[in-house]
Amino acid sequence: MSDDELTLYPWRKRVKTLPKSFKNPIVNIIRVGHVPKLASTRERIRENLGINRKPPTAYHDEKARLELKELVKGTDLYDKAMWDERDE
């Protein structure tokens, strides 16, 4: 982005590193498809209520999580989040 464009669009400035407070939410989105990971206690409560243990979103669908992971790998967000697949 040129200096002229930065003057016009200051919010488009490249981010070199993400704030530490962003890491966990981003990692959770990449890993499970949700910002907060659902605790096993919550899963049991959902099951007792007669609904799926996991919400019917990327959290529940392994294929969707893998697709999400592949999409993120194609961006610099993957590296900026300092995410390592070995952490899984």
PDB file of N, CA and C in Angstrom:
ATOM      1  N   MET A   1       0.857  -1.161   0.000  1.00  0.00           N
ATOM      2  CA  MET A   1       0.000   0.000   0.000  1.00  0.00           C
ATOM      3  C   MET A   1       0.905   1.225   0.000  1.00  0.00           C
ATOM      4  N   SER A   2       0.579   2.170  -0.839  1.00  0.00           N
ATOM      5  CA  SER A   2       1.394   3.389  -0.929  1.00  0.00           C
ATOM      6  C   SER A   2       1.111   4.318   0.249  1.00  0.00           C
ATOM      7  N   ASP A   3       2.003   5.294   0.443  1.00  0.00           N
ATOM      8  CA  ASP A   3       1.809   6.267   1.525  1.00  0.00           C
ATOM      9  C   ASP A   3       0.537   7.078   1.322  1.00  0.00           C
ATOM     10  N   ASP A   4       0.212   7.388   0.055  1.00  0.00           N
ATOM     11  CA  ASP A   4      -1.026   8.129  -0.235  1.00  0.00           C
ATOM     12  C   ASP A   4      -2.256   7.330   0.184  1.00  0.00           C
ATOM     13  N   GLU A   5      -2.212   6.033  -0.107  1.00  0.00           N
ATOM     14  CA  GLU A   5      -3.351   5.193   0.275  1.00  0.00           C
ATOM     15  C   GLU A   5      -3.465   5.077   1.802  1.00  0.00           C
ATOM     16  N   LEU A   6      -2.336   5.005   2.480  1.00  0.00           N
ATOM     17  CA  LEU A   6      -2.375   4.948   3.946  1.00  0.00           C
ATOM     18  C   LEU A   6      -2.975   6.206   4.541  1.00  0.00           C
ATOM     19  N   THR A   7      -2.714   7.337   3.911  1.00  0.00           N
ATOM     20  CA  THR A   7      -3.296   8.589   4.378  1.00  0.00           C
ATOM     21  C   THR A   7      -4.812   8.552   4.221  1.00  0.00           C
ATOM     22  N   LEU A   8      -5.261   8.015   3.087  1.00  0.00           N
ATOM     23  CA  LEU A   8      -6.701   7.932   2.838  1.00  0.00           C
ATOM     24  C   LEU A   8      -7.375   6.841   3.673  1.00  0.00           C
ATOM     25  N   TYR A   9      -6.672   5.720   3.867  1.00  0.00           N
ATOM     26  CA  TYR A   9      -7.253   4.564   4.543  1.00  0.00           C
ATOM     27  C   TYR A   9      -6.336   4.097   5.685  1.00  0.00           C
ATOM     28  N   PRO A  10      -6.256   4.844   6.774  1.00  0.00           N
ATOM     29  CA  PRO A  10      -5.326   4.490   7.858  1.00  0.00           C
ATOM     30  C   PRO A  10      -5.618   3.139   8.507  1.00  0.00           C
ATOM     31  N   TRP A  11      -6.851   2.661   8.467  1.00  0.00           N
ATOM     32  CA  TRP A  11      -7.192   1.381   9.092  1.00  0.00           C
ATOM     33  C   TRP A  11      -6.710   0.201   8.272  1.00  0.00           C
ATOM     34  N   ARG A  12      -6.251   0.436   7.052  1.00  0.00           N
ATOM     35  CA  ARG A  12      -5.768  -0.646   6.199  1.00  0.00           C
ATOM     36  C   ARG A  12      -4.275  -0.911   6.389  1.00  0.00           C
ATOM     37  N   LYS A  13      -3.686  -0.245   7.328  1.00  0.00           N
ATOM     38  CA  LYS A  13      -2.269  -0.417   7.594  1.00  0.00           C
ATOM     39  C   LYS A  13      -1.980  -1.885   7.933  1.00  0.00           C
ATOM     40  N   ARG A  14      -0.888  -2.395   7.423  1.00  0.00           N
ATOM     41  CA  ARG A  14      -0.490  -3.778   7.699  1.00  0.00           C
ATOM     42  C   ARG A  14      -0.155  -3.950   9.183  1.00  0.00           C
ATOM     43  N   VAL A  15      -0.592  -5.046   9.724  1.00  0.00           N
ATOM     44  CA  VAL A  15      -0.312  -5.367  11.120  1.00  0.00           C
ATOM     45  C   VAL A  15       0.873  -6.327  11.134  1.00  0.00           C
ATOM     46  N   LYS A  16       1.923  -5.963  11.856  1.00  0.00           N
ATOM     47  CA  LYS A  16       3.105  -6.824  11.904  1.00  0.00           C
ATOM     48  C   LYS A  16       2.894  -7.992  12.849  1.00  0.00           C
ATOM     49  N   THR A  17       2.350  -7.732  14.017  1.00  0.00           N
ATOM     50  CA  THR A  17       2.033  -8.801  14.969  1.00  0.00           C
ATOM     51  C   THR A  17       0.672  -8.508  15.578  1.00  0.00           C
ATOM     52  N   LEU A  18       0.023  -9.550  15.991  1.00  0.00           N
ATOM     53  CA  LEU A  18      -1.284  -9.407  16.637  1.00  0.00           C
ATOM     54  C   LEU A  18      -1.085  -9.219  18.132  1.00  0.00           C
ATOM     55  N   PRO A  19      -1.978  -8.486  18.771  1.00  0.00           N
ATOM     56  CA  PRO A  19      -1.917  -8.393  20.234  1.00  0.00           C
ATOM     57  C   PRO A  19      -2.071  -9.785  20.845  1.00  0.00           C
ATOM     58  N   LYS A  20      -1.407 -10.025  21.951  1.00  0.00           N
ATOM     59  CA  LYS A  20      -1.469 -11.339  22.602  1.00  0.00           C
ATOM     60  C   LYS A  20      -2.903 -11.741  22.926  1.00  0.00           C
ATOM     61  N   SER A  21      -3.743 -10.765  23.228  1.00  0.00           N
ATOM     62  CA  SER A  21      -5.131 -11.076  23.588  1.00  0.00           C
ATOM     63  C   SER A  21      -5.920 -11.638  22.405  1.00  0.00           C
ATOM     64  N   PHE A  22      -5.420 -11.477  21.190  1.00  0.00           N
ATOM     65  CA  PHE A  22      -6.100 -12.001  20.001  1.00  0.00           C
ATOM     66  C   PHE A  22      -5.748 -13.462  19.739  1.00  0.00           C
ATOM     67  N   LYS A  23      -4.624 -13.927  20.277  1.00  0.00           N
ATOM     68  CA  LYS A  23      -4.127 -15.251  19.914  1.00  0.00           C
ATOM     69  C   LYS A  23      -5.121 -16.364  20.238  1.00  0.00           C
ATOM     70  N   ASN A  24      -5.567 -16.468  21.483  1.00  0.00           N
ATOM     71  CA  ASN A  24      -6.459 -17.570  21.854  1.00  0.00           C
ATOM     72  C   ASN A  24      -7.762 -17.594  21.067  1.00  0.00           C
ATOM     73  N   PRO A  25      -8.441 -16.454  20.902  1.00  0.00           N
ATOM     74  CA  PRO A  25      -9.658 -16.509  20.089  1.00  0.00           C
ATOM     75  C   PRO A  25      -9.388 -16.957  18.657  1.00  0.00           C
ATOM     76  N   ILE A  26      -8.311 -16.476  18.064  1.00  0.00           N
ATOM     77  CA  ILE A  26      -8.002 -16.860  16.685  1.00  0.00           C
ATOM     78  C   ILE A  26      -7.649 -18.337  16.605  1.00  0.00           C
ATOM     79  N   VAL A  27      -6.848 -18.801  17.541  1.00  0.00           N
ATOM     80  CA  VAL A  27      -6.478 -20.217  17.549  1.00  0.00           C
ATOM     81  C   VAL A  27      -7.719 -21.083  17.719  1.00  0.00           C
ATOM     82  N   ASN A  28      -8.638 -20.681  18.591  1.00  0.00           N
ATOM     83  CA  ASN A  28      -9.874 -21.450  18.768  1.00  0.00           C
ATOM     84  C   ASN A  28     -10.719 -21.453  17.509  1.00  0.00           C
ATOM     85  N   ILE A  29     -10.784 -20.347  16.813  1.00  0.00           N
ATOM     86  CA  ILE A  29     -11.541 -20.315  15.553  1.00  0.00           C
ATOM     87  C   ILE A  29     -10.920 -21.287  14.563  1.00  0.00           C
ATOM     88  N   ILE A  30      -9.595 -21.297  14.463  1.00  0.00           N
ATOM     89  CA  ILE A  30      -8.916 -22.196  13.539  1.00  0.00           C
ATOM     90  C   ILE A  30      -9.117 -23.655  13.943  1.00  0.00           C
ATOM     91  N   ARG A  31      -8.987 -23.948  15.211  1.00  0.00           N
ATOM     92  CA  ARG A  31      -9.068 -25.339  15.677  1.00  0.00           C
ATOM     93  C   ARG A  31     -10.480 -25.893  15.711  1.00  0.00           C
ATOM     94  N   VAL A  32     -11.412 -25.139  16.311  1.00  0.00           N
ATOM     95  CA  VAL A  32     -12.744 -25.707  16.556  1.00  0.00           C
ATOM     96  C   VAL A  32     -13.880 -24.950  15.895  1.00  0.00           C
ATOM     97  N   GLY A  33     -13.591 -23.832  15.257  1.00  0.00           N
ATOM     98  CA  GLY A  33     -14.642 -23.103  14.555  1.00  0.00           C
ATOM     99  C   GLY A  33     -15.429 -22.140  15.420  1.00  0.00           C
ATOM    100  N   HIS A  34     -15.013 -21.952  16.662  1.00  0.00           N
ATOM    101  CA  HIS A  34     -15.687 -21.043  17.598  1.00  0.00           C
ATOM    102  C   HIS A  34     -14.650 -20.325  18.433  1.00  0.00           C
ATOM    103  N   VAL A  35     -14.979 -19.140  18.905  1.00  0.00           N
ATOM    104  CA  VAL A  35     -14.047 -18.429  19.784  1.00  0.00           C
ATOM    105  C   VAL A  35     -13.919 -19.170  21.110  1.00  0.00           C
ATOM    106  N   PRO A  36     -15.014 -19.382  21.858  1.00  0.00           N
ATOM    107  CA  PRO A  36     -14.845 -20.149  23.090  1.00  0.00           C
ATOM    108  C   PRO A  36     -14.986 -21.638  22.784  1.00  0.00           C
ATOM    109  N   LYS A  37     -14.044 -22.420  23.288  1.00  0.00           N
ATOM    110  CA  LYS A  37     -14.158 -23.862  23.141  1.00  0.00           C
ATOM    111  C   LYS A  37     -15.210 -24.338  24.132  1.00  0.00           C
ATOM    112  N   LEU A  38     -16.076 -25.217  23.696  1.00  0.00           N
ATOM    113  CA  LEU A  38     -17.158 -25.710  24.533  1.00  0.00           C
ATOM    114  C   LEU A  38     -16.605 -26.700  25.557  1.00  0.00           C
ATOM    115  N   ALA A  39     -16.804 -26.411  26.814  1.00  0.00           N
ATOM    116  CA  ALA A  39     -16.330 -27.291  27.884  1.00  0.00           C
ATOM    117  C   ALA A  39     -17.154 -28.570  27.903  1.00  0.00           C
ATOM    118  N   SER A  40     -16.542 -29.640  28.377  1.00  0.00           N
ATOM    119  CA  SER A  40     -17.242 -30.930  28.424  1.00  0.00           C
ATOM    120  C   SER A  40     -18.498 -30.847  29.301  1.00  0.00           C
ATOM    121  N   THR A  41     -18.458 -29.998  30.324  1.00  0.00           N
ATOM    122  CA  THR A  41     -19.639 -29.796  31.178  1.00  0.00           C
ATOM    123  C   THR A  41     -20.793 -29.248  30.351  1.00  0.00           C
ATOM    124  N   ARG A  42     -20.495 -28.260  29.521  1.00  0.00           N
ATOM    125  CA  ARG A  42     -21.540 -27.681  28.658  1.00  0.00           C
ATOM    126  C   ARG A  42     -22.055 -28.707  27.663  1.00  0.00           C
ATOM    127  N   GLU A  43     -21.145 -29.554  27.148  1.00  0.00           N
ATOM    128  CA  GLU A  43     -21.583 -30.601  26.221  1.00  0.00           C
ATOM    129  C   GLU A  43     -22.567 -31.547  26.899  1.00  0.00           C
ATOM    130  N   ARG A  44     -22.275 -31.908  28.150  1.00  0.00           N
ATOM    131  CA  ARG A  44     -23.188 -32.795  28.887  1.00  0.00           C
ATOM    132  C   ARG A  44     -24.533 -32.110  29.140  1.00  0.00           C
ATOM    133  N   ILE A  45     -24.503 -30.825  29.464  1.00  0.00           N
ATOM    134  CA  ILE A  45     -25.757 -30.082  29.676  1.00  0.00           C
ATOM    135  C   ILE A  45     -26.576 -30.085  28.394  1.00  0.00           C
ATOM    136  N   ARG A  46     -25.917 -29.833  27.272  1.00  0.00           N
ATOM    137  CA  ARG A  46     -26.619 -29.846  25.981  1.00  0.00           C
ATOM    138  C   ARG A  46     -27.233 -31.222  25.733  1.00  0.00           C
ATOM    139  N   GLU A  47     -26.467 -32.260  26.002  1.00  0.00           N
ATOM    140  CA  GLU A  47     -26.957 -33.623  25.797  1.00  0.00           C
ATOM    141  C   GLU A  47     -28.162 -33.908  26.695  1.00  0.00           C
ATOM    142  N   ASN A  48     -28.098 -33.477  27.962  1.00  0.00           N
ATOM    143  CA  ASN A  48     -29.223 -33.668  28.886  1.00  0.00           C
ATOM    144  C   ASN A  48     -30.465 -32.910  28.444  1.00  0.00           C
ATOM    145  N   LEU A  49     -30.273 -31.827  27.730  1.00  0.00           N
ATOM    146  CA  LEU A  49     -31.410 -31.065  27.201  1.00  0.00           C
ATOM    147  C   LEU A  49     -31.993 -31.700  25.945  1.00  0.00           C
ATOM    148  N   GLY A  50     -31.320 -32.744  25.455  1.00  0.00           N
ATOM    149  CA  GLY A  50     -31.821 -33.445  24.275  1.00  0.00           C
ATOM    150  C   GLY A  50     -31.343 -32.848  22.963  1.00  0.00           C
ATOM    151  N   ILE A  51     -30.297 -32.046  23.021  1.00  0.00           N
ATOM    152  CA  ILE A  51     -29.737 -31.484  21.791  1.00  0.00           C
ATOM    153  C   ILE A  51     -28.316 -32.016  21.608  1.00  0.00           C
ATOM    154  N   ASN A  52     -27.765 -31.806  20.423  1.00  0.00           N
ATOM    155  CA  ASN A  52     -26.413 -32.301  20.146  1.00  0.00           C
ATOM    156  C   ASN A  52     -25.417 -31.765  21.161  1.00  0.00           C
ATOM    157  N   ARG A  53     -24.440 -32.608  21.504  1.00  0.00           N
ATOM    158  CA  ARG A  53     -23.393 -32.190  22.450  1.00  0.00           C
ATOM    159  C   ARG A  53     -22.657 -30.960  21.936  1.00  0.00           C
ATOM    160  N   LYS A  54     -22.467 -30.890  20.630  1.00  0.00           N
ATOM    161  CA  LYS A  54     -21.776 -29.750  20.016  1.00  0.00           C
ATOM    162  C   LYS A  54     -22.749 -29.026  19.106  1.00  0.00           C
ATOM    163  N   PRO A  55     -22.662 -27.687  19.044  1.00  0.00           N
ATOM    164  CA  PRO A  55     -23.569 -26.947  18.172  1.00  0.00           C
ATOM    165  C   PRO A  55     -23.380 -27.349  16.709  1.00  0.00           C
ATOM    166  N   PRO A  56     -24.436 -27.295  15.910  1.00  0.00           N
ATOM    167  CA  PRO A  56     -24.344 -27.718  14.504  1.00  0.00           C
ATOM    168  C   PRO A  56     -23.670 -26.654  13.624  1.00  0.00           C
ATOM    169  N   THR A  57     -22.426 -26.404  13.923  1.00  0.00           N
ATOM    170  CA  THR A  57     -21.642 -25.422  13.171  1.00  0.00           C
ATOM    171  C   THR A  57     -20.309 -26.071  12.842  1.00  0.00           C
ATOM    172  N   ALA A  58     -19.318 -25.272  12.475  1.00  0.00           N
ATOM    173  CA  ALA A  58     -17.988 -25.821  12.192  1.00  0.00           C
ATOM    174  C   ALA A  58     -17.454 -26.588  13.390  1.00  0.00           C
ATOM    175  N   TYR A  59     -17.907 -26.233  14.579  1.00  0.00           N
ATOM    176  CA  TYR A  59     -17.488 -26.918  15.810  1.00  0.00           C
ATOM    177  C   TYR A  59     -17.852 -28.399  15.751  1.00  0.00           C
ATOM    178  N   HIS A  60     -18.955 -28.701  15.143  1.00  0.00           N
ATOM    179  CA  HIS A  60     -19.484 -30.056  15.093  1.00  0.00           C
ATOM    180  C   HIS A  60     -18.989 -30.826  13.869  1.00  0.00           C
ATOM    181  N   ASP A  61     -18.620 -30.143  12.817  1.00  0.00           N
ATOM    182  CA  ASP A  61     -18.332 -30.764  11.527  1.00  0.00           C
ATOM    183  C   ASP A  61     -16.827 -30.759  11.235  1.00  0.00           C
ATOM    184  N   GLU A  62     -16.210 -31.932  11.310  1.00  0.00           N
ATOM    185  CA  GLU A  62     -14.767 -32.051  11.089  1.00  0.00           C
ATOM    186  C   GLU A  62     -14.366 -31.529   9.707  1.00  0.00           C
ATOM    187  N   LYS A  63     -15.161 -31.842   8.697  1.00  0.00           N
ATOM    188  CA  LYS A  63     -14.850 -31.383   7.332  1.00  0.00           C
ATOM    189  C   LYS A  63     -14.840 -29.855   7.273  1.00  0.00           C
ATOM    190  N   ALA A  64     -15.807 -29.223   7.914  1.00  0.00           N
ATOM    191  CA  ALA A  64     -15.872 -27.756   7.930  1.00  0.00           C
ATOM    192  C   ALA A  64     -14.671 -27.164   8.648  1.00  0.00           C
ATOM    193  N   ARG A  65     -14.245 -27.792   9.754  1.00  0.00           N
ATOM    194  CA  ARG A  65     -13.065 -27.301  10.477  1.00  0.00           C
ATOM    195  C   ARG A  65     -11.816 -27.404   9.623  1.00  0.00           C
ATOM    196  N   LEU A  66     -11.682 -28.521   8.894  1.00  0.00           N
ATOM    197  CA  LEU A  66     -10.513 -28.688   8.024  1.00  0.00           C
ATOM    198  C   LEU A  66     -10.529 -27.662   6.889  1.00  0.00           C
ATOM    199  N   GLU A  67     -11.709 -27.395   6.339  1.00  0.00           N
ATOM    200  CA  GLU A  67     -11.823 -26.374   5.288  1.00  0.00           C
ATOM    201  C   GLU A  67     -11.451 -24.997   5.829  1.00  0.00           C
ATOM    202  N   LEU A  68     -11.924 -24.694   7.027  1.00  0.00           N
ATOM    203  CA  LEU A  68     -11.600 -23.423   7.663  1.00  0.00           C
ATOM    204  C   LEU A  68     -10.094 -23.299   7.866  1.00  0.00           C
ATOM    205  N   LYS A  69      -9.477 -24.378   8.345  1.00  0.00           N
ATOM    206  CA  LYS A  69      -8.038 -24.392   8.581  1.00  0.00           C
ATOM    207  C   LYS A  69      -7.278 -24.142   7.271  1.00  0.00           C
ATOM    208  N   GLU A  70      -7.714 -24.778   6.194  1.00  0.00           N
ATOM    209  CA  GLU A  70      -7.051 -24.596   4.894  1.00  0.00           C
ATOM    210  C   GLU A  70      -7.210 -23.155   4.387  1.00  0.00           C
ATOM    211  N   LEU A  71      -8.384 -22.576   4.591  1.00  0.00           N
ATOM    212  CA  LEU A  71      -8.599 -21.183   4.187  1.00  0.00           C
ATOM    213  C   LEU A  71      -7.669 -20.245   4.950  1.00  0.00           C
ATOM    214  N   VAL A  72      -7.543 -20.479   6.242  1.00  0.00           N
ATOM    215  CA  VAL A  72      -6.700 -19.615   7.068  1.00  0.00           C
ATOM    216  C   VAL A  72      -5.228 -19.787   6.701  1.00  0.00           C
ATOM    217  N   LYS A  73      -4.828 -21.011   6.360  1.00  0.00           N
ATOM    218  CA  LYS A  73      -3.438 -21.258   5.978  1.00  0.00           C
ATOM    219  C   LYS A  73      -3.053 -20.430   4.745  1.00  0.00           C
ATOM    220  N   GLY A  74      -4.026 -20.092   3.919  1.00  0.00           N
ATOM    221  CA  GLY A  74      -3.760 -19.296   2.731  1.00  0.00           C
ATOM    222  C   GLY A  74      -3.595 -17.811   3.024  1.00  0.00           C
ATOM    223  N   THR A  75      -3.661 -17.413   4.295  1.00  0.00           N
ATOM    224  CA  THR A  75      -3.533 -16.008   4.673  1.00  0.00           C
ATOM    225  C   THR A  75      -2.355 -15.840   5.627  1.00  0.00           C
ATOM    226  N   ASP A  76      -1.960 -14.609   5.838  1.00  0.00           N
ATOM    227  CA  ASP A  76      -0.877 -14.381   6.791  1.00  0.00           C
ATOM    228  C   ASP A  76      -1.378 -14.413   8.237  1.00  0.00           C
ATOM    229  N   LEU A  77      -2.683 -14.504   8.437  1.00  0.00           N
ATOM    230  CA  LEU A  77      -3.231 -14.613   9.791  1.00  0.00           C
ATOM    231  C   LEU A  77      -2.711 -15.868  10.479  1.00  0.00           C
ATOM    232  N   TYR A  78      -2.562 -16.924   9.734  1.00  0.00           N
ATOM    233  CA  TYR A  78      -2.075 -18.195  10.264  1.00  0.00           C
ATOM    234  C   TYR A  78      -0.729 -17.995  10.957  1.00  0.00           C
ATOM    235  N   ASP A  79       0.185 -17.322  10.274  1.00  0.00           N
ATOM    236  CA  ASP A  79       1.512 -17.084  10.852  1.00  0.00           C
ATOM    237  C   ASP A  79       1.460 -16.045  11.966  1.00  0.00           C
ATOM    238  N   LYS A  80       0.643 -15.014  11.805  1.00  0.00           N
ATOM    239  CA  LYS A  80       0.577 -13.953  12.808  1.00  0.00           C
ATOM    240  C   LYS A  80      -0.035 -14.431  14.116  1.00  0.00           C
ATOM    241  N   ALA A  81      -0.859 -15.446  14.042  1.00  0.00           N
ATOM    242  CA  ALA A  81      -1.455 -15.994  15.262  1.00  0.00           C
ATOM    243  C   ALA A  81      -0.471 -16.905  15.982  1.00  0.00           C
ATOM    244  N   MET A  82       0.670 -17.146  15.356  1.00  0.00           N
ATOM    245  CA  MET A  82       1.720 -17.994  15.933  1.00  0.00           C
ATOM    246  C   MET A  82       1.154 -19.363  16.281  1.00  0.00           C
ATOM    247  N   TRP A  83       0.307 -19.871  15.406  1.00  0.00           N
ATOM    248  CA  TRP A  83      -0.365 -21.142  15.659  1.00  0.00           C
ATOM    249  C   TRP A  83       0.490 -22.274  15.137  1.00  0.00           C
ATOM    250  N   ASP A  84       0.592 -23.329  15.889  1.00  0.00           N
ATOM    251  CA  ASP A  84       1.387 -24.477  15.517  1.00  0.00           C
ATOM    252  C   ASP A  84       0.494 -25.700  15.603  1.00  0.00           C
ATOM    253  N   GLU A  85       0.349 -26.420  14.494  1.00  0.00           N
ATOM    254  CA  GLU A  85      -0.531 -27.591  14.473  1.00  0.00           C
ATOM    255  C   GLU A  85      -0.110 -28.634  15.500  1.00  0.00           C
ATOM    256  N   ARG A  86       1.126 -28.632  15.909  1.00  0.00           N
ATOM    257  CA  ARG A  86       1.571 -29.610  16.898  1.00  0.00           C
ATOM    258  C   ARG A  86       0.910 -29.353  18.244  1.00  0.00           C
ATOM    259  N   ASP A  87       0.318 -28.172  18.431  1.00  0.00           N
ATOM    260  CA  ASP A  87      -0.368 -27.864  19.689  1.00  0.00           C
ATOM    261  C   ASP A  87      -1.688 -28.589  19.832  1.00  0.00           C
ATOM    262  N   GLU A  88      -2.178 -29.160  18.743  1.00  0.00           N
ATOM    263  CA  GLU A  88      -3.498 -29.803  18.793  1.00  0.00           C
ATOM    264  C   GLU A  88      -3.475 -31.097  19.551  1.00  0.00           C
TER     265      GLU A  88
END
